[in-house]
Amino acid sequence: MNYGIKKNLLVPLLFLFSPLSHAVLAGGIVSVNHSWPANSEFNKLSFFQQVSNDGGTDSKYFWANQFHFKNGDGGYIGLQNRGDGVHAFNYSIWKAKGWKSGVCSYFNSEGSGVQCQIVVPWKTGHQYKLDVSRNGNLVTGVVTDLMDGTATTVGVIEIPDTFGKLYSSSGFVEEYSQGNGQLSSCYVMGAQSSIFLNPIGDDKTKAGQSSYTYGNCNDPYVVKSACNGDACINTISNLRAMASPNASIVSIVNENDLTAETISNALNKVDLVAIRSQDGHWAPNIYFPEPNKLKWKSIFVDHRAGYSSSIHVNGSIMKVNKGQHIMYMSDGSSWKVINPV
């Protein structure tokens, strides 16, 4: 099975649709850039990672290091949380000819090449060294637990003779839940935190690093990254179905009903709007628009007014009182409540 093959890290993944009420493919979230000395070429690149929080059993995260060959293509090696408590190492090279050892197979998604993978119960809080070493036209991927010294050869991949030495690299974090396991919202994404230490070429040359966040869930209340001279750290927070303060707000005229047209017009511009009621900004009735033309759009109700409001949704009326907050998403036929996870 092909897990998270990723050819171009800088192209944000678009929203995918499923028949269920899941609507967002988070995809790439954090990018880590590496800066090597000019004209550097190596036979070996060593990456260093530590995952402190893996997102839990409902998440599917990939902490990866991408590398490139002079006059050739590229690949990656990294740690995966595949959900349900399954951890793995993943190692792939595009346009590879074959492999000499490892649990490997050919892939043809987003390009073609060879992917090697092994299920290993790697541990959160442990630091791992991920080596990619070239010897002739054979490239070996090895992951070493620096806490206990355990080394695992993920695979030995054969590359074309035209591929030169290793000369550039980068890192990324992605949440790749798809299909029926796709996330219902960026605001229920599993919490994770990880560290990418500066990589080293041929055991002596250290690269500099910088980092940025991007993609479908690029909200500073959800994802953050920062670097110093030795490492880049990133975190993803599970807001438990709470929209961030950055969410677009639907204006309320005090003591006037909030119409479906007003909410619909706001959702035509963004994918999520927040209705934040408080004393002096309170609507006795909130009318949701029809869901059929707003598929995968979301409405967050944050009620802080002393008076309750009546939400008219899905042909029924629901009271919302002070201190309550609810997030809805349209699946095209009704407004579904997004439950915290």
Protein backbone atom coordinates (compact mmCIF):
# COMPACT_ATOMS: atom_id res chain seq x y z
CA MET A 1 0.00 0.00 0.00
CA ASN A 2 1.24 3.45 -0.85
CA TYR A 3 1.40 5.78 2.17
CA GLY A 4 1.74 9.49 1.56
CA ILE A 5 3.85 9.54 -1.62
CA LYS A 6 4.59 13.24 -2.06
CA LYS A 7 6.32 14.57 -5.15
CA ASN A 8 6.04 18.33 -4.74
CA LEU A 9 5.89 19.58 -1.17
CA LEU A 10 5.26 23.21 -2.03
CA VAL A 11 1.96 22.70 -3.83
CA PRO A 12 -0.84 22.84 -1.22
CA LEU A 13 -3.23 19.91 -1.40
CA LEU A 14 -6.77 20.80 -2.37
CA PHE A 15 -9.96 19.84 -0.60
CA LEU A 16 -11.15 16.36 -1.47
CA PHE A 17 -14.72 15.17 -1.22
CA SER A 18 -16.09 11.97 0.27
CA PRO A 19 -19.63 10.60 0.57
CA LEU A 20 -19.52 11.09 4.34
CA SER A 21 -19.48 14.29 6.36
CA HIS A 22 -15.68 14.48 6.21
CA ALA A 23 -14.41 17.30 4.07
CA VAL A 24 -10.84 18.37 4.59
CA LEU A 25 -7.58 16.74 3.60
CA ALA A 26 -5.08 18.56 5.80
CA GLY A 27 -2.10 17.35 3.75
CA GLY A 28 1.14 19.29 4.07
CA ILE A 29 1.22 21.55 7.12
CA VAL A 30 4.84 22.37 8.01
CA SER A 31 7.82 22.75 5.67
CA VAL A 32 11.43 22.76 6.86
CA ASN A 33 13.98 24.25 4.45
CA HIS A 34 17.64 23.20 4.54
CA SER A 35 20.48 25.52 3.55
CA TRP A 36 23.72 23.75 2.58
CA PRO A 37 27.04 25.43 1.72
CA ALA A 38 27.30 26.35 -1.96
CA ASN A 39 28.18 23.51 -4.35
CA SER A 40 27.89 20.87 -1.61
CA GLU A 41 27.59 17.24 -2.70
CA PHE A 42 27.43 14.23 -0.41
CA ASN A 43 27.39 10.44 -0.38
CA LYS A 44 25.47 10.48 2.90
CA LEU A 45 22.83 12.67 4.48
CA SER A 46 21.85 12.26 8.13
CA PHE A 47 18.56 13.65 9.44
CA PHE A 48 17.54 13.90 13.10
CA GLN A 49 13.97 13.87 14.41
CA GLN A 50 12.09 13.66 17.67
CA VAL A 51 8.31 13.31 17.83
CA SER A 52 6.98 14.30 21.24
CA ASN A 53 3.26 13.94 20.44
CA ASP A 54 2.18 11.73 17.53
CA GLY A 55 -1.46 12.88 17.27
CA GLY A 56 -2.97 9.75 18.81
CA THR A 57 -4.68 6.69 17.37
CA ASP A 58 -7.11 8.67 15.19
CA SER A 59 -4.36 10.57 13.36
CA LYS A 60 -2.21 9.76 10.33
CA TYR A 61 0.96 11.84 10.41
CA PHE A 62 4.15 11.69 8.36
CA TRP A 63 7.36 13.37 9.57
CA ALA A 64 9.56 13.22 6.49
CA ASN A 65 12.94 14.28 5.16
CA GLN A 66 13.22 14.78 1.42
CA PHE A 67 16.52 14.53 -0.48
CA HIS A 68 17.64 15.07 -4.08
CA PHE A 69 20.33 13.65 -6.34
CA LYS A 70 22.42 15.78 -8.69
CA ASN A 71 21.22 15.21 -12.27
CA GLY A 72 18.58 12.85 -10.93
CA ASP A 73 15.37 12.74 -8.96
CA GLY A 74 14.65 12.63 -5.23
CA GLY A 75 13.15 10.68 -2.38
CA TYR A 76 12.32 10.81 1.29
CA ILE A 77 12.74 8.95 4.54
CA GLY A 78 10.69 9.47 7.67
CA LEU A 79 8.52 8.35 10.56
CA GLN A 80 4.81 7.65 10.25
CA ASN A 81 1.86 7.35 12.58
CA ARG A 82 -0.59 5.28 10.52
CA GLY A 83 -3.36 5.42 13.11
CA ASP A 84 -4.73 2.74 15.42
CA GLY A 85 -1.41 2.65 17.27
CA VAL A 86 0.65 1.62 14.20
CA HIS A 87 4.05 3.29 13.71
CA ALA A 88 6.28 2.78 10.69
CA PHE A 89 9.40 3.88 8.79
CA ASN A 90 8.92 4.92 5.16
CA TYR A 91 11.70 5.29 2.56
CA SER A 92 11.17 6.06 -1.14
CA ILE A 93 13.10 7.18 -4.24
CA TRP A 94 11.55 8.36 -7.50
CA LYS A 95 12.73 6.83 -10.79
CA ALA A 96 14.56 4.09 -8.89
CA LYS A 97 15.32 0.93 -10.89
CA GLY A 98 14.61 -1.61 -8.15
CA TRP A 99 15.76 -2.72 -4.72
CA LYS A 100 18.24 -5.17 -3.21
CA SER A 101 16.71 -5.65 0.24
CA GLY A 102 13.79 -4.56 2.38
CA VAL A 103 10.00 -4.76 2.20
CA CYS A 104 9.78 -2.72 -0.98
CA SER A 105 7.57 -2.28 -4.03
CA TYR A 106 7.17 -0.09 -7.09
CA PHE A 107 4.79 2.87 -6.96
CA ASN A 108 3.27 4.99 -9.72
CA SER A 109 1.38 7.64 -7.75
CA GLU A 110 2.63 11.22 -8.27
CA GLY A 111 5.50 9.83 -10.32
CA SER A 112 7.05 6.38 -10.18
CA GLY A 113 9.80 4.70 -8.23
CA VAL A 114 10.44 2.35 -5.32
CA GLN A 115 9.04 2.56 -1.81
CA CYS A 116 10.29 0.56 1.19
CA GLN A 117 8.41 0.47 4.46
CA ILE A 118 8.51 -1.38 7.72
CA VAL A 119 6.15 -1.34 10.69
CA VAL A 120 8.24 -0.49 13.76
CA PRO A 121 6.96 0.60 17.20
CA TRP A 122 9.12 3.72 17.29
CA LYS A 123 8.66 5.73 20.46
CA THR A 124 7.53 9.29 21.09
CA GLY A 125 10.12 11.28 23.01
CA HIS A 126 13.02 9.34 21.45
CA GLN A 127 15.42 11.01 19.05
CA TYR A 128 16.00 9.22 15.75
CA LYS A 129 18.79 9.49 13.20
CA LEU A 130 17.71 8.78 9.62
CA ASP A 131 20.62 8.07 7.25
CA VAL A 132 20.52 7.95 3.46
CA SER A 133 23.85 6.60 2.17
CA ARG A 134 24.94 6.08 -1.42
CA ASN A 135 27.47 3.43 -2.46
CA GLY A 136 27.68 3.20 -6.24
CA ASN A 137 24.12 2.93 -7.51
CA LEU A 138 22.77 1.49 -4.24
CA VAL A 139 21.22 3.83 -1.67
CA THR A 140 20.57 2.52 1.84
CA GLY A 141 18.04 3.96 4.27
CA VAL A 142 18.74 3.32 7.96
CA VAL A 143 16.86 4.61 11.03
CA THR A 144 18.65 4.56 14.40
CA ASP A 145 17.05 5.12 17.80
CA LEU A 146 19.64 7.33 19.51
CA MET A 147 18.17 6.53 22.93
CA ASP A 148 18.85 2.77 22.81
CA GLY A 149 21.11 2.40 19.75
CA THR A 150 18.74 0.16 17.78
CA ALA A 151 19.40 0.51 14.03
CA THR A 152 16.86 -0.59 11.40
CA THR A 153 17.67 -0.88 7.70
CA VAL A 154 14.46 0.13 5.94
CA GLY A 155 15.69 -0.78 2.47
CA VAL A 156 18.46 -0.74 -0.13
CA ILE A 157 17.23 0.91 -3.33
CA GLU A 158 18.94 0.79 -6.73
CA ILE A 159 19.11 4.08 -8.65
CA PRO A 160 20.10 4.82 -12.27
CA ASP A 161 23.81 5.25 -12.98
CA THR A 162 23.08 8.78 -14.20
CA PHE A 163 22.11 9.95 -10.69
CA GLY A 164 24.81 12.06 -9.08
CA LYS A 165 25.54 12.69 -5.42
CA LEU A 166 23.08 13.99 -2.84
CA TYR A 167 23.04 17.77 -2.88
CA SER A 168 19.82 19.23 -1.42
CA SER A 169 17.16 18.35 1.12
CA SER A 170 14.16 19.56 3.11
CA GLY A 171 11.60 18.31 5.64
CA PHE A 172 7.85 18.34 6.09
CA VAL A 173 4.99 17.32 8.35
CA GLU A 174 1.69 16.19 6.86
CA GLU A 175 -1.61 14.79 8.13
CA TYR A 176 -2.68 12.41 5.37
CA SER A 177 -6.02 11.01 6.58
CA GLN A 178 -8.12 10.32 3.48
CA GLY A 179 -11.36 8.72 2.32
CA ASN A 180 -13.67 7.61 5.11
CA GLY A 181 -11.03 8.59 7.66
CA GLN A 182 -10.75 12.13 6.34
CA LEU A 183 -10.93 14.93 8.90
CA SER A 184 -14.24 16.71 9.40
CA SER A 185 -12.43 19.96 10.22
CA CYS A 186 -8.97 21.42 10.76
CA TYR A 187 -10.22 22.23 14.26
CA VAL A 188 -10.37 18.56 15.30
CA MET A 189 -6.93 17.60 13.97
CA GLY A 190 -4.90 15.45 16.37
CA ALA A 191 -2.37 17.36 18.47
CA GLN A 192 1.25 16.74 17.50
CA SER A 193 4.65 18.23 18.27
CA SER A 194 8.00 17.39 16.72
CA ILE A 195 11.58 18.60 16.36
CA PHE A 196 13.75 18.55 13.23
CA LEU A 197 17.41 18.98 14.19
CA ASN A 198 19.87 20.32 11.62
CA PRO A 199 20.88 17.61 9.11
CA ILE A 200 24.51 16.66 8.48
CA GLY A 201 26.25 15.72 5.21
CA ASP A 202 29.01 13.08 5.17
CA ASP A 203 29.16 13.21 8.99
CA LYS A 204 30.78 16.66 9.03
CA THR A 205 28.85 19.41 7.20
CA LYS A 206 25.80 20.83 8.97
CA ALA A 207 22.96 22.56 7.13
CA GLY A 208 21.06 25.57 8.38
CA GLN A 209 17.28 25.40 8.71
CA SER A 210 14.21 27.60 8.39
CA SER A 211 10.55 26.69 8.60
CA TYR A 212 7.09 27.88 7.60
CA THR A 213 3.50 26.65 7.77
CA TYR A 214 1.15 26.26 4.80
CA GLY A 215 -1.79 24.34 3.37
CA ASN A 216 -5.49 23.88 4.04
CA CYS A 217 -5.14 24.11 7.83
CA ASN A 218 -2.69 27.00 8.00
CA ASP A 219 -4.20 28.83 10.96
CA PRO A 220 -1.77 30.19 13.59
CA TYR A 221 -4.09 28.94 16.33
CA VAL A 222 -3.77 25.42 14.90
CA VAL A 223 -0.18 25.18 13.65
CA LYS A 224 3.04 26.91 14.69
CA SER A 225 6.70 26.49 13.78
CA ALA A 226 9.95 28.15 14.83
CA CYS A 227 13.70 27.55 14.48
CA ASN A 228 16.93 28.40 16.26
CA GLY A 229 20.50 27.65 15.22
CA ASP A 230 20.22 23.95 16.00
CA ALA A 231 16.65 22.81 15.37
CA CYS A 232 13.15 23.60 14.15
CA ILE A 233 10.16 22.80 16.34
CA ASN A 234 6.52 22.67 15.28
CA THR A 235 3.21 22.07 17.01
CA ILE A 236 -0.33 21.32 15.87
CA SER A 237 -3.15 21.92 18.35
CA ASN A 238 -6.49 20.15 18.51
CA LEU A 239 -8.97 22.98 19.12
CA ARG A 240 -11.73 20.40 19.77
CA ALA A 241 -14.21 21.89 17.28
CA MET A 242 -13.60 25.46 18.44
CA ALA A 243 -13.05 27.94 15.63
CA SER A 244 -9.98 30.09 16.08
CA PRO A 245 -10.29 33.85 16.74
CA ASN A 246 -9.13 34.33 13.13
CA ALA A 247 -12.39 32.91 11.74
CA SER A 248 -14.53 35.34 9.74
CA ILE A 249 -17.32 36.76 11.93
CA VAL A 250 -20.94 37.20 10.85
CA SER A 251 -22.14 40.61 12.03
CA ILE A 252 -25.12 40.69 14.39
CA VAL A 253 -27.48 43.66 14.77
CA ASN A 254 -28.59 43.55 18.40
CA GLU A 255 -32.11 42.16 18.97
CA ASN A 256 -32.55 41.46 15.24
CA ASP A 257 -32.85 37.98 13.75
CA LEU A 258 -29.81 36.70 11.86
CA THR A 259 -31.06 35.69 8.43
CA ALA A 260 -30.08 32.74 6.29
CA GLU A 261 -29.20 35.15 3.50
CA THR A 262 -26.68 36.99 5.69
CA ILE A 263 -24.97 33.75 6.70
CA SER A 264 -25.02 32.41 3.13
CA ASN A 265 -23.44 35.59 1.77
CA ALA A 266 -20.68 35.33 4.36
CA LEU A 267 -20.02 31.68 3.45
CA ASN A 268 -19.71 32.55 -0.22
CA LYS A 269 -16.39 34.21 0.62
CA VAL A 270 -14.89 31.72 3.10
CA ASP A 271 -15.24 28.09 4.17
CA LEU A 272 -16.02 28.80 7.82
CA VAL A 273 -17.82 31.64 9.60
CA ALA A 274 -18.29 32.31 13.30
CA ILE A 275 -21.47 33.63 14.90
CA ARG A 276 -20.30 35.10 18.20
CA SER A 277 -23.18 36.32 20.36
CA GLN A 278 -22.72 38.49 23.43
CA ASP A 279 -24.71 41.06 25.35
CA GLY A 280 -25.26 43.98 22.99
CA HIS A 281 -24.73 41.71 19.97
CA TRP A 282 -27.53 39.17 20.26
CA ALA A 283 -30.00 37.69 17.78
CA PRO A 284 -33.17 36.03 19.12
CA ASN A 285 -33.29 33.74 16.06
CA ILE A 286 -30.49 32.39 13.87
CA TYR A 287 -31.65 30.96 10.55
CA PHE A 288 -29.23 28.59 8.83
CA PRO A 289 -29.19 28.66 5.01
CA GLU A 290 -30.07 25.58 2.98
CA PRO A 291 -27.10 23.19 3.02
CA ASN A 292 -27.27 22.00 -0.59
CA LYS A 293 -25.38 24.96 -2.08
CA LEU A 294 -22.88 25.18 0.79
CA LYS A 295 -21.42 21.69 0.81
CA TRP A 296 -18.36 21.38 3.09
CA LYS A 297 -18.89 24.90 4.46
CA SER A 298 -18.89 25.33 8.26
CA ILE A 299 -20.69 27.51 10.81
CA PHE A 300 -19.40 27.96 14.36
CA VAL A 301 -21.84 29.25 16.98
CA ASP A 302 -20.24 30.74 20.10
CA HIS A 303 -22.98 31.96 22.44
CA ARG A 304 -21.95 34.31 25.25
CA ALA A 305 -25.09 36.44 25.51
CA GLY A 306 -27.26 36.30 28.61
CA TYR A 307 -30.37 35.59 26.55
CA SER A 308 -30.67 32.31 24.67
CA SER A 309 -31.07 32.16 20.89
CA SER A 310 -33.06 29.78 18.70
CA ILE A 311 -31.11 28.10 15.90
CA HIS A 312 -33.33 27.13 12.97
CA VAL A 313 -31.47 24.28 11.29
CA ASN A 314 -32.40 21.12 9.38
CA GLY A 315 -36.13 21.82 9.75
CA SER A 316 -36.00 22.02 13.53
CA ILE A 317 -35.31 24.57 16.25
CA MET A 318 -32.58 24.25 18.86
CA LYS A 319 -32.00 26.54 21.81
CA VAL A 320 -28.44 27.68 22.50
CA ASN A 321 -27.61 29.16 25.90
CA LYS A 322 -24.79 31.20 27.39
CA GLY A 323 -21.51 29.29 27.39
CA GLN A 324 -22.48 26.88 24.61
CA HIS A 325 -20.56 26.54 21.36
CA ILE A 326 -21.30 24.26 18.41
CA MET A 327 -19.64 23.74 15.03
CA TYR A 328 -21.67 22.59 12.02
CA MET A 329 -20.62 21.47 8.57
CA SER A 330 -22.83 21.00 5.52
CA ASP A 331 -22.59 17.63 3.78
CA GLY A 332 -24.81 18.90 0.98
CA SER A 333 -28.05 17.55 2.42
CA SER A 334 -27.99 18.68 6.07
CA TRP A 335 -25.93 20.56 8.63
CA LYS A 336 -23.90 18.04 10.67
CA VAL A 337 -22.55 18.75 14.14
CA ILE A 338 -18.76 18.32 14.30
CA ASN A 339 -17.97 16.53 17.54
CA PRO A 340 -14.71 17.18 19.40
CA VAL A 341 -12.21 14.31 19.26
